Amino acid sequence: MAMGGVFREVIPLERLVATEKFDDAWYPGEALDTTVFEEMRDITRTTITVLYESQEARDTARRSGMEHGMAAGYDRLETLLPTLTGEPT
């Protein structure tokens, strides 16, 4: 499953805004993803909002079960991050 997009806004350590479009589209149009990073007592809270071009696109994405794949990815990231030293590799 390949996808691409364009960054529309990058504010380091605060916010990313980018488009999202799959090579083999399974919902119509593209989506706009906004990721916000908030520091809270040595923990970074990340909020992702996805804005679809239509209700049909949103409903198609919701029916796909994508939240399970996203949750699995974030679970893996949560396990990996504490093992990093912060040193570049």
C-alpha atoms as a PDB file:
ATOM      1  CA  MET A   1       0.000   0.000   0.000  1.00  0.00           C
ATOM      2  CA  ALA A   2       1.848   3.086  -1.218  1.00  0.00           C
ATOM      3  CA  MET A   3       0.877   6.665  -0.568  1.00  0.00           C
ATOM      4  CA  GLY A   4       2.260  10.133  -0.987  1.00  0.00           C
ATOM      5  CA  GLY A   5       1.471  13.701  -0.167  1.00  0.00           C
ATOM      6  CA  VAL A   6       2.770  17.223   0.238  1.00  0.00           C
ATOM      7  CA  PHE A   7       3.790  18.940   3.456  1.00  0.00           C
ATOM      8  CA  ARG A   8       1.850  22.184   3.703  1.00  0.00           C
ATOM      9  CA  GLU A   9       3.078  23.339   7.093  1.00  0.00           C
ATOM     10  CA  VAL A  10       6.037  22.321   9.248  1.00  0.00           C
ATOM     11  CA  ILE A  11       6.588  23.951  12.631  1.00  0.00           C
ATOM     12  CA  PRO A  12       9.385  21.986  14.335  1.00  0.00           C
ATOM     13  CA  LEU A  13       8.375  20.375  17.641  1.00  0.00           C
ATOM     14  CA  GLU A  14       4.805  21.726  17.286  1.00  0.00           C
ATOM     15  CA  ARG A  15       2.835  20.888  14.152  1.00  0.00           C
ATOM     16  CA  LEU A  16       2.847  19.091  10.797  1.00  0.00           C
ATOM     17  CA  VAL A  17       0.181  19.471   8.124  1.00  0.00           C
ATOM     18  CA  ALA A  18       0.340  17.252   5.033  1.00  0.00           C
ATOM     19  CA  THR A  19      -1.871  15.841   2.324  1.00  0.00           C
ATOM     20  CA  GLU A  20      -2.408  12.089   2.002  1.00  0.00           C
ATOM     21  CA  LYS A  21      -3.268  10.219  -1.191  1.00  0.00           C
ATOM     22  CA  PHE A  22      -2.924   6.509  -1.853  1.00  0.00           C
ATOM     23  CA  ASP A  23      -1.466   5.239  -5.142  1.00  0.00           C
ATOM     24  CA  ASP A  24      -4.318   2.729  -5.388  1.00  0.00           C
ATOM     25  CA  ALA A  25      -7.066   4.928  -3.999  1.00  0.00           C
ATOM     26  CA  TRP A  26      -9.517   3.095  -1.779  1.00  0.00           C
ATOM     27  CA  TYR A  27     -11.391   6.263  -0.878  1.00  0.00           C
ATOM     28  CA  PRO A  28     -12.160   9.216  -3.144  1.00  0.00           C
ATOM     29  CA  GLY A  29      -9.882  12.262  -3.148  1.00  0.00           C
ATOM     30  CA  GLU A  30      -7.135  13.019  -0.692  1.00  0.00           C
ATOM     31  CA  ALA A  31      -7.063  13.755   3.006  1.00  0.00           C
ATOM     32  CA  LEU A  32      -5.405  16.500   5.017  1.00  0.00           C
ATOM     33  CA  ASP A  33      -3.527  15.243   8.092  1.00  0.00           C
ATOM     34  CA  THR A  34      -2.711  17.601  10.952  1.00  0.00           C
ATOM     35  CA  THR A  35      -0.341  16.343  13.645  1.00  0.00           C
ATOM     36  CA  VAL A  36       0.103  18.428  16.798  1.00  0.00           C
ATOM     37  CA  PHE A  37       2.823  17.746  19.400  1.00  0.00           C
ATOM     38  CA  GLU A  38       2.321  18.967  22.984  1.00  0.00           C
ATOM     39  CA  GLU A  39       4.848  18.588  25.808  1.00  0.00           C
ATOM     40  CA  MET A  40       3.212  17.561  29.079  1.00  0.00           C
ATOM     41  CA  ARG A  41       5.515  16.818  32.039  1.00  0.00           C
ATOM     42  CA  ASP A  42       8.308  15.141  30.020  1.00  0.00           C
ATOM     43  CA  ILE A  43       5.808  13.321  27.816  1.00  0.00           C
ATOM     44  CA  THR A  44       4.924  14.313  24.272  1.00  0.00           C
ATOM     45  CA  ARG A  45       1.234  14.069  23.503  1.00  0.00           C
ATOM     46  CA  THR A  46       0.555  13.618  19.782  1.00  0.00           C
ATOM     47  CA  THR A  47      -2.854  14.382  18.277  1.00  0.00           C
ATOM     48  CA  ILE A  48      -3.588  13.507  14.661  1.00  0.00           C
ATOM     49  CA  THR A  49      -6.636  14.873  12.874  1.00  0.00           C
ATOM     50  CA  VAL A  50      -7.558  13.622   9.400  1.00  0.00           C
ATOM     51  CA  LEU A  51      -9.875  15.777   7.278  1.00  0.00           C
ATOM     52  CA  TYR A  52     -11.339  13.938   4.282  1.00  0.00           C
ATOM     53  CA  GLU A  53     -12.660  15.628   1.145  1.00  0.00           C
ATOM     54  CA  SER A  54     -16.128  14.165   1.661  1.00  0.00           C
ATOM     55  CA  GLN A  55     -18.302  12.260   4.089  1.00  0.00           C
ATOM     56  CA  GLU A  56     -18.143   9.304   1.688  1.00  0.00           C
ATOM     57  CA  ALA A  57     -14.332   9.250   1.913  1.00  0.00           C
ATOM     58  CA  ARG A  58     -14.432   9.512   5.710  1.00  0.00           C
ATOM     59  CA  ASP A  59     -16.993   6.732   6.024  1.00  0.00           C
ATOM     60  CA  THR A  60     -14.990   4.474   3.684  1.00  0.00           C
ATOM     61  CA  ALA A  61     -11.866   5.027   5.794  1.00  0.00           C
ATOM     62  CA  ARG A  62     -13.778   4.348   9.018  1.00  0.00           C
ATOM     63  CA  ARG A  63     -15.118   1.056   7.653  1.00  0.00           C
ATOM     64  CA  SER A  64     -11.618  -0.092   6.656  1.00  0.00           C
ATOM     65  CA  GLY A  65     -10.486  -0.888  10.192  1.00  0.00           C
ATOM     66  CA  MET A  66      -7.460   1.370   9.735  1.00  0.00           C
ATOM     67  CA  GLU A  67      -7.488   2.295  13.421  1.00  0.00           C
ATOM     68  CA  HIS A  68      -6.215  -1.202  14.255  1.00  0.00           C
ATOM     69  CA  GLY A  69      -3.171  -0.828  12.006  1.00  0.00           C
ATOM     70  CA  MET A  70      -2.474   2.661  13.303  1.00  0.00           C
ATOM     71  CA  ALA A  71      -2.781   1.485  16.917  1.00  0.00           C
ATOM     72  CA  ALA A  72      -0.358  -1.394  16.246  1.00  0.00           C
ATOM     73  CA  GLY A  73       2.162   1.028  14.757  1.00  0.00           C
ATOM     74  CA  TYR A  74       1.921   3.372  17.739  1.00  0.00           C
ATOM     75  CA  ASP A  75       2.265   0.438  20.148  1.00  0.00           C
ATOM     76  CA  ARG A  76       5.494  -0.550  18.380  1.00  0.00           C
ATOM     77  CA  LEU A  77       6.739   3.032  18.518  1.00  0.00           C
ATOM     78  CA  GLU A  78       5.974   3.239  22.246  1.00  0.00           C
ATOM     79  CA  THR A  79       8.113   0.126  22.787  1.00  0.00           C
ATOM     80  CA  LEU A  80      10.946   1.405  20.601  1.00  0.00           C
ATOM     81  CA  LEU A  81      11.266   4.998  21.807  1.00  0.00           C
ATOM     82  CA  PRO A  82      12.557   4.231  25.338  1.00  0.00           C
ATOM     83  CA  THR A  83      15.428   2.226  23.804  1.00  0.00           C
ATOM     84  CA  LEU A  84      16.774   5.204  21.873  1.00  0.00           C
ATOM     85  CA  THR A  85      19.664   7.179  23.318  1.00  0.00           C
ATOM     86  CA  GLY A  86      19.026  10.327  21.333  1.00  0.00           C
ATOM     87  CA  GLU A  87      22.392   9.934  19.598  1.00  0.00           C
ATOM     88  CA  PRO A  88      22.323  10.048  15.789  1.00  0.00           C
ATOM     89  CA  THR A  89      22.981   6.704  14.101  1.00  0.00           C
END
